[in-house]
């Protein structure tokens, strides 16, 4: 029962929130796969924050989760009268070649199975994950789980500066929560958590683009991400870079649906996902700021209040942690501020960063270069879309990814530690954080079959079959 509670509560909280805020029908439908993946990711983040708030306030984190579950359930119940799946009410017109779609589905399933096998193999060899996992994330989880009263704060002293005590706590807090529910420490909790974010990123990619662009294009996008084995190897290392990539993808997908269907609810979910990226790692805070700035530049106030409304409650624990518990980061402590201007004006650092960026783009995997080539060919063959409904999210996503990359550049430029070592140990993982967002934007930008309302599609078929012309036009049949 306890293992089910570890998984069920976050998934139920997030799934109900997505159905309440987004488009959720009375009955289950095929798009609940998307709602479940997105909701589970958001639910994991909220459960993690509940555990942290419980440590700070003395209130049971499990009680806070149950209260969240009831609130989400009430929101769903209040929405029952007008509940409908707006995704099911529209469809993407595709040609009738179902054989190709089935082959793509089989290839996607096979590749996902192979990726899972890679994840399982690496996890069996390194059940405690990589260096960062046991030296940062799982180390912090041990402090949160074992220490009573206020002693858990000892895990965030400057004595442990080598373990980055300023990093946010989504992974450590959720792992400690799982251990507390189990009553013991178990490697199964961080492994299962890492498995969800690795496989869930690919699933979220395919499911979201299937809604936005059609099943075939969703499968192609899923294949592009599943063909990145580094995602699953790094996921098995139990580090925070894969969850950061997941929440970036969730931000883009949720806001794309908000723009497409003019849904403030999905904008709220996008804000929550972006803020949870900030609760995962410092790079997530950079993404949140870059995405917010890009949205203001591109779309001004469109759905911006809803986005901020979803982000602020989720950002509150992160702000409290940074202000009251975490020490200064490497860049902004006394040692980091010393010589900052000299580092910023050193041309050798510019050259080294550029050179290592290109080298690690190749070391990320030869498949990455091939993937970029395939995506470029894909765009040349299909062409770019000119529709207004997705223009805002495309421009926002592209600008946010560029601003985030520029932010990475300046972090490297100003970092006080040995630049060569920092580039060698982090460049691949920063590329991984950006990669799912790049794939999403490319497949959203490429042309796809035109979307028509379902009733309009049925009317088109009737007009085709009928031998006699009808006095009513096609548009008069579409409501």
Protein backbone atom coordinates (compact mmCIF):
# COMPACT_ATOMS: atom_id res chain seq x y z
CA UNK A 1 0.00 0.00 0.00
CA UNK A 2 2.81 2.42 0.87
CA UNK A 3 4.58 2.15 -2.53
CA UNK A 4 1.25 2.82 -4.21
CA UNK A 5 0.78 5.87 -1.98
CA UNK A 6 4.19 7.19 -3.04
CA UNK A 7 3.12 7.05 -6.69
CA UNK A 8 -0.63 7.54 -6.48
CA UNK A 9 -0.86 10.80 -4.56
CA UNK A 10 1.35 12.94 -6.85
CA UNK A 11 -0.16 11.40 -10.00
CA UNK A 12 -3.72 11.90 -8.74
CA UNK A 13 -3.09 15.49 -7.62
CA UNK A 14 -1.52 16.49 -10.92
CA UNK A 15 -3.98 14.58 -13.11
CA UNK A 16 -6.99 16.16 -11.39
CA UNK A 17 -5.42 19.62 -11.62
CA UNK A 18 -4.85 19.20 -15.36
CA UNK A 19 -8.43 17.99 -15.88
CA UNK A 20 -9.79 20.87 -13.79
CA UNK A 21 -7.70 23.65 -15.34
CA UNK A 22 -7.40 22.23 -18.83
CA UNK A 23 -9.82 20.45 -21.07
CA UNK A 24 -11.15 17.41 -19.19
CA UNK A 25 -14.24 15.43 -20.30
CA UNK A 26 -16.63 13.57 -18.03
CA UNK A 27 -15.25 10.23 -19.18
CA UNK A 28 -11.74 9.09 -19.96
CA UNK A 29 -10.45 9.64 -23.48
CA UNK A 30 -7.25 8.95 -25.37
CA UNK A 31 -5.86 12.38 -24.50
CA UNK A 32 -5.76 11.40 -20.83
CA UNK A 33 -2.32 9.95 -21.60
CA UNK A 34 -1.08 13.50 -22.10
CA UNK A 35 -2.94 14.71 -19.00
CA UNK A 36 -1.49 11.90 -16.90
CA UNK A 37 2.13 12.51 -17.95
CA UNK A 38 1.91 16.28 -17.52
CA UNK A 39 -0.06 15.92 -14.30
CA UNK A 40 2.31 13.39 -12.76
CA UNK A 41 5.28 15.69 -13.37
CA UNK A 42 3.46 18.64 -11.81
CA UNK A 43 2.18 16.44 -8.97
CA UNK A 44 5.70 15.25 -8.16
CA UNK A 45 6.84 18.85 -7.90
CA UNK A 46 3.90 19.86 -5.69
CA UNK A 47 4.38 16.83 -3.41
CA UNK A 48 8.04 17.76 -3.07
CA UNK A 49 7.08 21.28 -2.05
CA UNK A 50 4.53 19.95 0.43
CA UNK A 51 7.25 17.89 2.11
CA UNK A 52 9.54 20.93 2.28
CA UNK A 53 6.77 23.18 3.64
CA UNK A 54 6.04 20.49 6.22
CA UNK A 55 9.68 20.49 7.36
CA UNK A 56 9.71 24.28 7.70
CA UNK A 57 6.29 24.67 9.34
CA UNK A 58 6.01 21.46 11.34
CA UNK A 59 2.80 20.49 9.55
CA UNK A 60 2.63 17.01 8.06
CA UNK A 61 3.60 17.12 4.39
CA UNK A 62 1.30 14.14 3.75
CA UNK A 63 -1.60 16.12 5.20
CA UNK A 64 -0.82 19.01 2.86
CA UNK A 65 -0.84 16.58 -0.09
CA UNK A 66 -4.21 15.16 0.92
CA UNK A 67 -5.59 18.71 1.18
CA UNK A 68 -4.27 19.42 -2.33
CA UNK A 69 -5.90 16.22 -3.59
CA UNK A 70 -9.27 17.20 -2.14
CA UNK A 71 -8.97 20.74 -3.56
CA UNK A 72 -8.19 19.35 -7.02
CA UNK A 73 -11.09 16.90 -6.74
CA UNK A 74 -13.49 19.67 -5.76
CA UNK A 75 -12.28 21.77 -8.71
CA UNK A 76 -13.00 18.85 -11.05
CA UNK A 77 -16.46 18.34 -9.51
CA UNK A 78 -17.34 22.03 -9.91
CA UNK A 79 -16.34 21.82 -13.57
CA UNK A 80 -18.43 18.74 -14.37
CA UNK A 81 -21.35 20.56 -16.01
CA UNK A 82 -19.16 22.20 -18.63
CA UNK A 83 -16.51 19.46 -18.81
CA UNK A 84 -15.61 18.44 -22.33
CA UNK A 85 -12.48 17.47 -24.21
CA UNK A 86 -11.68 20.24 -26.65
CA UNK A 87 -8.99 18.01 -28.11
CA UNK A 88 -11.56 15.35 -29.06
CA UNK A 89 -13.83 18.00 -30.61
CA UNK A 90 -11.15 18.74 -33.19
CA UNK A 91 -9.09 16.44 -35.35
CA UNK A 92 -6.15 16.65 -37.68
CA UNK A 93 -6.94 15.62 -41.24
CA UNK A 94 -4.34 13.12 -42.39
CA UNK A 95 -4.17 10.86 -45.42
CA UNK A 96 -5.59 7.38 -45.06
CA UNK A 97 -2.22 5.59 -45.01
CA UNK A 98 -2.69 3.88 -41.67
CA UNK A 99 0.08 1.43 -42.42
CA UNK A 100 2.71 4.18 -42.12
CA UNK A 101 1.21 5.37 -38.85
CA UNK A 102 1.30 1.82 -37.47
CA UNK A 103 4.91 1.39 -38.54
CA UNK A 104 5.81 4.66 -36.82
CA UNK A 105 3.98 3.55 -33.67
CA UNK A 106 5.82 0.22 -33.69
CA UNK A 107 9.18 1.95 -34.21
CA UNK A 108 8.42 4.38 -31.40
CA UNK A 109 7.42 1.57 -29.02
CA UNK A 110 10.52 -0.46 -29.92
CA UNK A 111 12.88 2.47 -29.46
CA UNK A 112 11.24 3.39 -26.16
CA UNK A 113 11.66 -0.21 -24.99
CA UNK A 114 15.34 -0.14 -25.94
CA UNK A 115 15.77 3.17 -24.11
CA UNK A 116 14.15 1.68 -21.03
CA UNK A 117 16.51 -1.30 -21.31
CA UNK A 118 19.48 1.10 -21.40
CA UNK A 119 18.10 2.90 -18.36
CA UNK A 120 17.63 -0.39 -16.48
CA UNK A 121 21.12 -1.61 -17.40
CA UNK A 122 22.82 1.59 -16.22
CA UNK A 123 20.70 1.67 -13.05
CA UNK A 124 21.65 -1.94 -12.25
CA UNK A 125 25.34 -1.06 -12.57
CA UNK A 126 25.02 2.24 -10.66
CA UNK A 127 21.97 2.00 -8.35
CA UNK A 128 23.07 5.14 -6.48
CA UNK A 129 23.47 7.12 -9.69
CA UNK A 130 26.40 9.22 -10.75
CA UNK A 131 28.64 11.55 -8.75
CA UNK A 132 26.17 14.44 -8.67
CA UNK A 133 23.35 12.13 -7.59
CA UNK A 134 24.95 10.80 -4.42
CA UNK A 135 27.13 13.86 -3.74
CA UNK A 136 24.35 16.47 -4.17
CA UNK A 137 20.76 15.27 -4.61
CA UNK A 138 20.70 12.02 -2.64
CA UNK A 139 23.05 13.45 -0.02
CA UNK A 140 20.59 16.26 0.60
CA UNK A 141 17.73 13.72 0.70
CA UNK A 142 19.55 11.88 3.51
CA UNK A 143 19.69 15.11 5.54
CA UNK A 144 15.99 15.82 4.96
CA UNK A 145 14.98 12.27 5.89
CA UNK A 146 17.27 11.44 8.80
CA UNK A 147 17.54 14.74 10.69
CA UNK A 148 14.73 15.67 13.05
CA UNK A 149 13.54 19.07 14.23
CA UNK A 150 15.65 21.74 12.57
CA UNK A 151 18.77 19.59 12.23
CA UNK A 152 18.02 19.04 8.52
CA UNK A 153 19.26 22.59 7.95
CA UNK A 154 22.79 21.34 8.64
CA UNK A 155 22.79 20.02 5.10
CA UNK A 156 22.87 23.58 3.77
CA UNK A 157 25.91 25.04 5.53
CA UNK A 158 28.92 26.53 3.80
CA UNK A 159 31.00 23.63 5.14
CA UNK A 160 29.37 21.56 2.37
CA UNK A 161 29.99 24.12 -0.37
CA UNK A 162 31.50 21.40 -2.56
CA UNK A 163 28.03 19.79 -2.74
CA UNK A 164 26.21 22.93 -3.95
CA UNK A 165 23.90 23.48 -0.95
CA UNK A 166 22.27 26.37 -2.82
CA UNK A 167 20.58 24.00 -5.32
CA UNK A 168 16.76 23.77 -5.03
CA UNK A 169 15.11 20.70 -3.55
CA UNK A 170 12.58 19.05 -5.87
CA UNK A 171 14.56 15.81 -6.13
CA UNK A 172 15.90 15.62 -2.53
CA UNK A 173 12.55 16.50 -0.96
CA UNK A 174 10.57 14.02 -3.07
CA UNK A 175 13.09 11.24 -2.42
CA UNK A 176 13.04 11.96 1.34
CA UNK A 177 9.22 11.94 1.19
CA UNK A 178 9.29 8.53 -0.43
CA UNK A 179 11.70 7.19 2.17
CA UNK A 180 9.53 8.54 4.96
CA UNK A 181 6.45 6.81 3.56
CA UNK A 182 8.42 3.57 3.14
CA UNK A 183 9.98 3.89 6.58
CA UNK A 184 13.45 3.19 5.22
CA UNK A 185 15.96 4.39 2.67
CA UNK A 186 15.72 2.60 -0.66
CA UNK A 187 17.46 3.10 -4.00
CA UNK A 188 14.17 2.21 -5.69
CA UNK A 189 12.72 5.67 -4.97
CA UNK A 190 15.33 7.81 -6.81
CA UNK A 191 15.55 5.20 -9.61
CA UNK A 192 11.77 5.23 -10.16
CA UNK A 193 11.73 9.03 -10.04
CA UNK A 194 14.51 9.25 -12.62
CA UNK A 195 12.77 6.68 -14.82
CA UNK A 196 9.57 8.73 -14.91
CA UNK A 197 11.31 11.92 -15.99
CA UNK A 198 13.39 10.15 -18.66
CA UNK A 199 10.53 8.16 -20.21
CA UNK A 200 7.96 10.85 -19.40
CA UNK A 201 9.85 13.45 -21.43
CA UNK A 202 9.53 11.31 -24.57
CA UNK A 203 5.91 10.49 -23.80
CA UNK A 204 5.05 14.13 -23.19
CA UNK A 205 6.69 15.11 -26.47
CA UNK A 206 4.70 12.57 -28.49
CA UNK A 207 1.39 13.12 -26.68
CA UNK A 208 1.43 16.93 -26.79
CA UNK A 209 2.39 17.17 -30.47
CA UNK A 210 -0.18 14.50 -31.34
CA UNK A 211 -2.81 16.91 -30.01
CA UNK A 212 -1.31 19.97 -31.67
CA UNK A 213 -0.14 18.50 -34.99
CA UNK A 214 -1.59 15.01 -35.41
CA UNK A 215 -0.68 11.48 -34.37
CA UNK A 216 1.92 10.96 -37.07
CA UNK A 217 3.81 14.12 -36.27
CA UNK A 218 3.63 13.33 -32.57
CA UNK A 219 5.20 9.93 -33.24
CA UNK A 220 7.95 11.51 -35.37
CA UNK A 221 8.76 13.98 -32.58
CA UNK A 222 8.76 11.17 -30.04
CA UNK A 223 11.12 9.18 -32.24
CA UNK A 224 13.48 12.17 -32.49
CA UNK A 225 13.71 12.39 -28.70
CA UNK A 226 13.79 8.62 -28.14
CA UNK A 227 16.75 8.48 -30.54
CA UNK A 228 18.81 10.42 -27.96
CA UNK A 229 20.32 7.68 -25.77
CA UNK A 230 22.16 10.25 -23.64
CA UNK A 231 18.75 11.26 -22.25
CA UNK A 232 18.27 7.82 -20.71
CA UNK A 233 21.88 7.32 -19.65
CA UNK A 234 21.86 10.67 -17.89
CA UNK A 235 18.43 9.88 -16.48
CA UNK A 236 19.84 6.72 -14.91
CA UNK A 237 22.56 8.88 -13.32
CA UNK A 238 19.68 10.36 -11.21
CA UNK A 239 20.75 13.97 -11.78
CA UNK A 240 18.42 16.96 -12.07
CA UNK A 241 19.13 17.80 -15.72
CA UNK A 242 16.50 15.42 -17.12
CA UNK A 243 13.73 16.77 -14.79
CA UNK A 244 14.75 20.31 -15.81
CA UNK A 245 14.36 19.31 -19.47
CA UNK A 246 10.97 17.74 -18.68
CA UNK A 247 9.62 20.91 -17.07
CA UNK A 248 10.89 23.06 -19.94
CA UNK A 249 9.07 20.83 -22.39
CA UNK A 250 5.97 20.92 -20.18
CA UNK A 251 6.09 24.73 -20.15
CA UNK A 252 6.22 24.88 -23.95
CA UNK A 253 3.54 22.22 -24.46
CA UNK A 254 1.09 23.68 -21.94
CA UNK A 255 1.42 27.23 -23.25
CA UNK A 256 1.11 26.01 -26.85
CA UNK A 257 -2.22 24.42 -25.90
CA UNK A 258 -3.20 27.59 -24.04
CA UNK A 259 -2.55 29.67 -27.17
CA UNK A 260 -4.17 27.17 -29.52
CA UNK A 261 -7.39 26.81 -27.51
CA UNK A 262 -7.31 30.23 -25.79
CA UNK A 263 -7.24 28.44 -22.42
CA UNK A 264 -6.17 30.38 -19.29
CA UNK A 265 -6.18 27.06 -17.45
CA UNK A 266 -3.34 25.67 -19.54
CA UNK A 267 -1.48 28.97 -19.11
CA UNK A 268 -1.73 28.42 -15.34
CA UNK A 269 -0.29 24.92 -15.80
CA UNK A 270 2.51 26.34 -17.97
CA UNK A 271 3.40 28.82 -15.24
CA UNK A 272 3.42 26.04 -12.63
CA UNK A 273 5.66 23.86 -14.83
CA UNK A 274 8.12 26.70 -15.44
CA UNK A 275 8.25 27.47 -11.71
CA UNK A 276 8.80 23.79 -10.87
CA UNK A 277 11.83 23.87 -13.14
CA UNK A 278 13.16 26.54 -10.79
CA UNK A 279 12.41 24.28 -7.80
CA UNK A 280 14.50 21.58 -9.52
CA UNK A 281 17.77 23.37 -10.30
CA UNK A 282 19.24 26.87 -10.63
CA UNK A 283 19.14 26.52 -14.42
CA UNK A 284 15.38 26.19 -14.08
CA UNK A 285 15.23 29.65 -12.54
CA UNK A 286 17.18 30.94 -15.54
CA UNK A 287 14.63 29.29 -17.85
CA UNK A 288 11.71 30.81 -15.94
CA UNK A 289 13.15 34.31 -16.26
CA UNK A 290 14.07 33.81 -19.92
CA UNK A 291 10.66 32.38 -20.79
CA UNK A 292 8.78 35.14 -18.97
CA UNK A 293 10.86 37.83 -20.68
CA UNK A 294 10.40 36.17 -24.08
CA UNK A 295 6.64 35.96 -23.57
CA UNK A 296 6.40 39.63 -22.63
CA UNK A 297 8.43 40.64 -25.69
CA UNK A 298 6.49 38.42 -28.10
CA UNK A 299 2.91 38.46 -26.84
CA UNK A 300 2.82 41.25 -24.27
CA UNK A 301 -0.12 40.49 -21.97
CA UNK A 302 -1.73 37.55 -23.80
CA UNK A 303 -2.43 34.90 -21.12
CA UNK A 304 0.38 36.41 -19.06
CA UNK A 305 -1.71 36.99 -15.87
CA UNK A 306 -2.77 33.33 -15.89
CA UNK A 307 0.84 32.21 -16.42
CA UNK A 308 2.03 34.31 -13.48
CA UNK A 309 -0.90 33.15 -11.33
CA UNK A 310 0.20 29.56 -11.87
CA UNK A 311 3.85 30.34 -11.18
CA UNK A 312 3.72 32.49 -8.04
CA UNK A 313 2.41 29.90 -5.52
CA UNK A 314 4.90 27.35 -6.83
CA UNK A 315 7.78 29.84 -6.69
CA UNK A 316 7.09 30.75 -3.06
CA UNK A 317 8.91 27.74 -1.51
CA UNK A 318 11.86 28.31 -3.85
CA UNK A 319 12.05 31.96 -2.85
CA UNK A 320 11.89 31.06 0.85
CA UNK A 321 14.59 28.43 0.43
CA UNK A 322 16.90 30.81 -1.43
CA UNK A 323 16.32 33.69 1.00
CA UNK A 324 16.35 31.90 4.35
CA UNK A 325 18.16 28.57 4.02
CA UNK A 326 20.49 28.26 1.02
CA UNK A 327 23.95 29.87 1.08
CA UNK A 328 25.22 31.96 -1.81
CA UNK A 329 26.09 30.23 -5.06
CA UNK A 330 29.65 29.87 -6.35
CA UNK A 331 29.34 32.89 -8.64
CA UNK A 332 27.91 35.38 -6.15
CA UNK A 333 29.73 34.53 -2.93
CA UNK A 334 32.82 36.49 -1.87
CA UNK A 335 35.21 34.28 -3.82
CA UNK A 336 33.05 34.48 -6.93
CA UNK A 337 32.76 38.27 -6.87
CA UNK A 338 36.52 38.66 -6.63
CA UNK A 339 37.96 39.05 -10.11
CA UNK A 340 34.56 38.88 -11.79
CA UNK A 341 35.24 41.84 -14.06
CA UNK A 342 38.62 40.43 -15.11
CA UNK A 343 37.00 37.14 -16.10
CA UNK A 344 34.23 38.92 -17.97
CA UNK A 345 36.73 40.83 -20.15
CA UNK A 346 39.12 37.96 -20.83
CA UNK A 347 38.93 37.14 -24.59
CA UNK A 348 40.55 33.72 -24.01
CA UNK A 349 37.48 32.67 -22.02
CA UNK A 350 35.19 33.64 -24.92
CA UNK A 351 37.22 31.51 -27.32
CA UNK A 352 37.38 28.54 -24.95
CA UNK A 353 33.62 28.58 -24.31
CA UNK A 354 32.82 28.72 -28.04
CA UNK A 355 35.30 25.95 -28.88
CA UNK A 356 34.07 23.63 -26.13
CA UNK A 357 30.44 24.28 -27.03
CA UNK A 358 31.01 22.99 -30.56
CA UNK A 359 33.07 20.04 -29.31
CA UNK A 360 30.47 18.96 -26.78
CA UNK A 361 27.69 19.32 -29.33
CA UNK A 362 29.45 16.47 -31.13
CA UNK A 363 30.32 14.54 -27.96
CA UNK A 364 26.68 14.77 -26.93
CA UNK A 365 26.44 12.00 -29.48
CA UNK A 366 26.91 11.75 -33.23
CA UNK A 367 23.16 11.16 -33.32
CA UNK A 368 22.69 14.78 -32.28
CA UNK A 369 24.42 16.07 -35.41
CA UNK A 370 22.40 13.61 -37.48
CA UNK A 371 19.24 14.69 -35.66
CA UNK A 372 19.91 18.36 -36.45
CA UNK A 373 20.43 17.42 -40.11
CA UNK A 374 17.23 15.37 -40.19
CA UNK A 375 15.26 18.17 -38.54
CA UNK A 376 16.66 20.68 -41.03
CA UNK A 377 15.72 18.42 -43.96
CA UNK A 378 12.29 17.91 -42.41
CA UNK A 379 11.67 21.66 -42.29
CA UNK A 380 12.92 22.12 -45.86
CA UNK A 381 10.60 19.38 -47.14
CA UNK A 382 7.50 20.34 -45.17
CA UNK A 383 8.10 24.09 -45.11
CA UNK A 384 7.26 26.46 -42.28
CA UNK A 385 3.74 27.20 -41.16
CA UNK A 386 2.30 30.67 -41.47
CA UNK A 387 -0.69 30.29 -39.12
CA UNK A 388 -1.23 32.94 -36.48
CA UNK A 389 -2.54 30.60 -33.80
CA UNK A 390 0.89 29.09 -33.03
CA UNK A 391 3.03 32.06 -33.94
CA UNK A 392 3.21 33.42 -30.38
CA UNK A 393 4.38 30.19 -28.75
CA UNK A 394 6.88 29.51 -31.55
CA UNK A 395 8.48 32.92 -31.19
CA UNK A 396 8.33 32.67 -27.40
CA UNK A 397 9.94 29.22 -27.40
CA UNK A 398 12.72 30.13 -29.83
CA UNK A 399 13.55 33.37 -27.99
CA UNK A 400 13.41 31.67 -24.56
CA UNK A 401 15.79 28.91 -25.71
CA UNK A 402 18.20 31.50 -27.14
CA UNK A 403 18.07 33.63 -23.99
CA UNK A 404 18.71 30.55 -21.86
CA UNK A 405 21.72 29.61 -24.00
CA UNK A 406 23.05 33.17 -23.65
CA UNK A 407 22.53 32.88 -19.89
CA UNK A 408 24.60 29.69 -19.87
CA UNK A 409 27.35 31.54 -21.73
CA UNK A 410 27.53 34.31 -19.12
CA UNK A 411 27.47 31.82 -16.26
CA UNK A 412 30.50 30.12 -17.78
CA UNK A 413 32.15 33.46 -18.42
CA UNK A 414 31.79 34.64 -14.81
CA UNK A 415 32.31 31.32 -13.00
CA UNK A 416 35.26 31.49 -10.57
CA UNK A 417 36.27 27.80 -10.81
CA UNK A 418 38.55 26.40 -13.50
CA UNK A 419 36.73 27.09 -16.75
CA UNK A 420 38.08 24.07 -18.62
CA UNK A 421 36.92 21.71 -15.87
CA UNK A 422 33.47 23.32 -15.61
CA UNK A 423 32.96 23.12 -19.39
CA UNK A 424 34.13 19.50 -19.49
CA UNK A 425 31.78 18.34 -16.72
CA UNK A 426 28.63 20.33 -17.50
CA UNK A 427 28.35 21.16 -21.23
CA UNK A 428 26.73 17.86 -22.26
CA UNK A 429 24.09 18.16 -19.55
CA UNK A 430 23.24 21.76 -20.43
CA UNK A 431 22.76 20.69 -24.06
CA UNK A 432 20.45 17.95 -22.81
CA UNK A 433 18.37 20.52 -20.93
CA UNK A 434 17.80 22.43 -24.19
CA UNK A 435 17.31 19.49 -26.55
CA UNK A 436 13.64 18.52 -25.88
CA UNK A 437 12.58 22.15 -26.26
CA UNK A 438 14.42 22.38 -29.59
CA UNK A 439 12.72 19.22 -30.88
CA UNK A 440 9.30 20.50 -29.79
CA UNK A 441 9.72 23.86 -31.50
CA UNK A 442 10.94 22.27 -34.75
CA UNK A 443 8.00 19.88 -35.04
CA UNK A 444 5.54 22.58 -34.06
CA UNK A 445 7.01 24.90 -36.71
CA UNK A 446 6.89 22.37 -39.56
CA UNK A 447 3.78 22.11 -41.66
CA UNK A 448 1.17 19.52 -40.73
CA UNK A 449 -2.34 18.64 -41.97
CA UNK A 450 -4.96 21.29 -41.40
CA UNK A 451 -7.12 20.94 -38.31
CA UNK A 452 -10.89 21.02 -38.80
CA UNK A 453 -13.77 20.73 -36.34
CA UNK A 454 -15.12 17.18 -36.23
CA UNK A 455 -18.62 18.20 -37.33
CA UNK A 456 -17.08 20.03 -40.28
CA UNK A 457 -15.10 16.91 -41.18
CA UNK A 458 -18.26 14.78 -41.15
CA UNK A 459 -20.03 17.35 -43.30
CA UNK A 460 -17.15 17.20 -45.78
CA UNK A 461 -17.50 13.43 -46.05
CA UNK A 462 -21.26 13.73 -46.61
CA UNK A 463 -20.67 16.27 -49.39
CA UNK A 464 -18.15 13.95 -51.01
CA UNK A 465 -20.47 10.93 -50.97
CA UNK A 466 -23.58 12.78 -52.04
CA UNK A 467 -24.08 12.83 -55.80
CA UNK A 468 -26.37 15.81 -55.75
CA UNK A 469 -25.23 19.24 -54.76
CA UNK A 470 -26.65 20.68 -51.57
CA UNK A 471 -27.89 24.26 -51.37
CA UNK A 472 -26.02 24.72 -48.10
CA UNK A 473 -22.33 25.38 -48.28
CA UNK A 474 -19.70 23.51 -46.30
CA UNK A 475 -19.15 26.45 -43.99
CA UNK A 476 -22.82 26.56 -43.09
CA UNK A 477 -22.50 23.03 -41.74
CA UNK A 478 -19.59 23.88 -39.44
CA UNK A 479 -20.44 25.42 -36.14
